[in-house]
Amino acid sequence: MKKIILYIILLLTSFTLLTCKKYDEGGLVARRCKNLFGGTKSGSSKTWKLKKYEVDGIDSTYLINTGGIPDFYEKHLTITLVDKKDMCSYNASSFIFKYSGTISASYKSIIIGNNIDLITLNSQCRIIDNINYCSRNIFYPDQSDPISEWKITKLTRNEVILHKQNKKNYHIKLQN
């Protein structure tokens, strides 16, 4: 009988020590939020570098910056957490484009809504300080719909990989 009680105590102790872990970050969703935005509080912000833009398996990264935008690849996208609820809302900006949208609670997809009208969305050039800068809007490859949904296939502290299948397969790789 003593052996059975000893085994039960040993089993319960090992079960408690091996399975009950506390996460200072608040668990899986909070870690994903921290990885994407650099923090879990409203106003947290992170700048991502564009490493790869693929269309149907063809690397098209260097074809999207046609207007000599400074630091285009090194500071491509800054994303800021606005509100963290069921679907986190965010604002993001690149040199030319500004976005706002939501991220699903499971962090499996990112919905990118453009806070610029559809005419500006389709425009690929913008005059800033009397200089004409041109670039492709990589998050809107179709350019006919003001809302674009991308699947998050990888999300770590230093890397985000997004995938969209429309008429073609698109992959975007961002690194920190």
Protein backbone atom coordinates (compact mmCIF):
# COMPACT_ATOMS: atom_id res chain seq x y z
CA MET A 1 0.00 0.00 0.00
CA LYS A 2 2.88 2.37 0.82
CA LYS A 3 4.40 1.71 -2.60
CA ILE A 4 1.13 2.59 -4.37
CA ILE A 5 0.82 5.85 -2.43
CA LEU A 6 4.49 6.63 -3.15
CA TYR A 7 3.94 6.01 -6.88
CA ILE A 8 0.83 8.19 -6.90
CA ILE A 9 2.68 11.03 -5.14
CA LEU A 10 5.64 10.65 -7.51
CA LEU A 11 3.32 10.60 -10.53
CA LEU A 12 1.41 13.70 -9.38
CA THR A 13 4.62 15.56 -8.58
CA SER A 14 6.21 14.80 -11.95
CA PHE A 15 2.95 15.62 -13.75
CA THR A 16 2.78 19.00 -11.97
CA LEU A 17 6.41 19.86 -12.62
CA LEU A 18 6.42 18.83 -16.27
CA THR A 19 3.08 20.19 -17.46
CA CYS A 20 2.33 23.33 -15.48
CA LYS A 21 4.53 26.05 -16.89
CA LYS A 22 3.87 29.71 -16.48
CA TYR A 23 4.50 32.06 -19.37
CA ASP A 24 5.49 35.58 -18.37
CA GLU A 25 4.40 36.68 -21.83
CA GLY A 26 0.88 35.35 -21.29
CA GLY A 27 0.93 32.22 -23.44
CA LEU A 28 1.03 31.41 -27.15
CA VAL A 29 -1.12 34.26 -28.47
CA ALA A 30 0.71 36.88 -26.42
CA ARG A 31 4.06 35.57 -27.65
CA ARG A 32 2.84 35.78 -31.24
CA CYS A 33 1.64 39.32 -30.59
CA LYS A 34 5.03 40.19 -29.09
CA ASN A 35 6.82 38.61 -32.06
CA LEU A 36 4.79 40.54 -34.61
CA PHE A 37 4.50 43.93 -32.90
CA GLY A 38 7.51 43.92 -30.60
CA GLY A 39 5.25 44.02 -27.51
CA THR A 40 1.79 43.24 -26.21
CA LYS A 41 0.63 46.73 -25.27
CA SER A 42 -1.13 49.25 -27.50
CA GLY A 43 1.44 51.36 -29.28
CA SER A 44 4.01 48.56 -29.53
CA SER A 45 5.76 48.85 -32.86
CA LYS A 46 8.26 46.88 -34.93
CA THR A 47 9.95 47.54 -38.28
CA TRP A 48 10.36 44.63 -40.68
CA LYS A 49 12.82 44.22 -43.57
CA LEU A 50 11.60 42.82 -46.86
CA LYS A 51 13.75 39.78 -47.61
CA LYS A 52 11.78 38.00 -50.31
CA TYR A 53 8.75 38.56 -52.50
CA GLU A 54 7.86 35.53 -54.62
CA VAL A 55 5.25 35.24 -57.34
CA ASP A 56 4.57 31.66 -58.46
CA GLY A 57 7.92 30.56 -57.07
CA ILE A 58 9.89 33.28 -58.88
CA ASP A 59 11.87 35.72 -56.74
CA SER A 60 10.49 39.15 -57.66
CA THR A 61 11.96 41.07 -54.73
CA TYR A 62 14.09 43.48 -56.74
CA LEU A 63 11.34 44.17 -59.28
CA ILE A 64 9.04 45.98 -56.86
CA ASN A 65 11.20 49.01 -55.99
CA THR A 66 11.18 50.84 -59.30
CA GLY A 67 11.51 54.38 -57.98
CA GLY A 68 14.69 54.42 -55.93
CA ILE A 69 13.00 54.56 -52.52
CA PRO A 70 15.67 55.01 -49.83
CA ASP A 71 16.07 52.10 -47.37
CA PHE A 72 13.24 50.31 -49.21
CA TYR A 73 14.29 46.79 -48.23
CA GLU A 74 15.79 47.58 -44.81
CA LYS A 75 12.80 49.51 -43.44
CA HIS A 76 10.00 48.17 -45.56
CA LEU A 77 7.13 47.88 -43.11
CA THR A 78 6.50 49.32 -39.66
CA ILE A 79 3.57 47.70 -37.90
CA THR A 80 1.98 49.12 -34.73
CA LEU A 81 -0.51 47.46 -32.39
CA VAL A 82 -3.60 49.62 -31.88
CA ASP A 83 -5.91 47.39 -29.86
CA LYS A 84 -5.51 43.81 -28.62
CA LYS A 85 -8.88 42.09 -28.32
CA ASP A 86 -10.38 39.09 -30.12
CA MET A 87 -8.92 40.31 -33.39
CA CYS A 88 -5.93 42.59 -32.86
CA SER A 89 -6.16 45.79 -34.82
CA TYR A 90 -3.03 47.45 -36.15
CA ASN A 91 -1.71 50.24 -38.33
CA ALA A 92 1.17 49.68 -40.69
CA SER A 93 3.09 51.84 -43.10
CA SER A 94 5.71 51.52 -45.77
CA PHE A 95 7.41 54.43 -47.52
CA ILE A 96 4.43 55.01 -49.83
CA PHE A 97 1.50 52.99 -48.49
CA LYS A 98 -0.43 53.07 -45.21
CA TYR A 99 -2.49 50.13 -44.02
CA SER A 100 -4.80 49.25 -41.19
CA GLY A 101 -6.41 45.94 -40.43
CA THR A 102 -6.89 43.07 -38.05
CA ILE A 103 -5.21 39.82 -37.18
CA SER A 104 -7.26 36.76 -36.27
CA ALA A 105 -7.23 35.71 -32.62
CA SER A 106 -5.39 32.53 -33.54
CA TYR A 107 -2.79 34.58 -35.47
CA LYS A 108 -3.23 32.32 -38.48
CA SER A 109 -4.14 35.13 -40.89
CA ILE A 110 -3.66 38.84 -41.28
CA ILE A 111 -6.34 40.95 -42.90
CA ILE A 112 -4.91 44.03 -44.54
CA GLY A 113 -7.32 46.84 -45.18
CA ASN A 114 -5.96 49.94 -46.80
CA ASN A 115 -6.90 53.23 -45.19
CA ILE A 116 -6.32 54.98 -48.49
CA ASP A 117 -9.04 55.08 -51.13
CA LEU A 118 -9.07 52.54 -53.97
CA ILE A 119 -7.66 55.04 -56.50
CA THR A 120 -4.59 55.58 -54.33
CA LEU A 121 -4.37 51.84 -53.72
CA ASN A 122 -4.05 51.19 -57.45
CA SER A 123 -1.55 54.02 -57.87
CA GLN A 124 1.99 52.80 -57.55
CA CYS A 125 3.69 56.18 -57.49
CA ARG A 126 3.53 59.08 -55.09
CA ILE A 127 5.20 62.47 -55.08
CA ILE A 128 6.90 63.19 -51.76
CA ASP A 129 8.94 66.42 -51.40
CA ASN A 130 8.76 66.98 -55.19
CA ILE A 131 10.31 63.58 -55.88
CA ASN A 132 8.31 60.89 -57.69
CA TYR A 133 8.70 57.55 -55.88
CA CYS A 134 7.28 54.37 -57.38
CA SER A 135 6.79 50.92 -55.89
CA ARG A 136 4.47 47.95 -56.14
CA ASN A 137 1.95 47.51 -53.38
CA ILE A 138 3.04 43.99 -52.44
CA PHE A 139 0.07 43.33 -50.15
CA TYR A 140 -2.42 44.00 -52.97
CA PRO A 141 -1.20 42.00 -55.96
CA ASP A 142 -4.69 41.96 -57.52
CA GLN A 143 -5.34 45.67 -56.80
CA SER A 144 -9.07 45.35 -57.30
CA ASP A 145 -10.16 44.57 -53.75
CA PRO A 146 -9.54 47.03 -50.88
CA ILE A 147 -9.20 44.13 -48.42
CA SER A 148 -6.48 41.52 -48.71
CA GLU A 149 -6.14 38.42 -46.50
CA TRP A 150 -2.80 36.68 -46.08
CA LYS A 151 -2.12 33.42 -44.21
CA ILE A 152 0.69 33.57 -41.68
CA THR A 153 2.74 30.45 -42.40
CA LYS A 154 5.61 31.33 -40.05
CA LEU A 155 5.84 33.81 -37.19
CA THR A 156 8.91 34.04 -34.97
CA ARG A 157 10.63 36.94 -33.23
CA ASN A 158 12.84 37.55 -36.29
CA GLU A 159 10.80 36.28 -39.23
CA VAL A 160 7.30 36.45 -40.70
CA ILE A 161 6.27 34.53 -43.80
CA LEU A 162 2.94 35.37 -45.42
CA HIS A 163 1.16 33.44 -48.18
CA LYS A 164 -1.71 34.36 -50.46
CA GLN A 165 -3.17 32.39 -53.30
CA ASN A 166 -5.15 34.43 -55.74
CA LYS A 167 -4.70 34.00 -59.47
CA LYS A 168 -1.08 33.30 -58.57
CA ASN A 169 0.80 32.13 -55.47
CA TYR A 170 2.42 34.92 -53.48
CA HIS A 171 4.93 34.60 -50.63
CA ILE A 172 6.32 37.48 -48.60
CA LYS A 173 9.23 36.98 -46.22
CA LEU A 174 9.90 39.74 -43.70
CA GLN A 175 12.77 39.72 -41.21
CA ASN A 176 13.67 41.84 -38.23
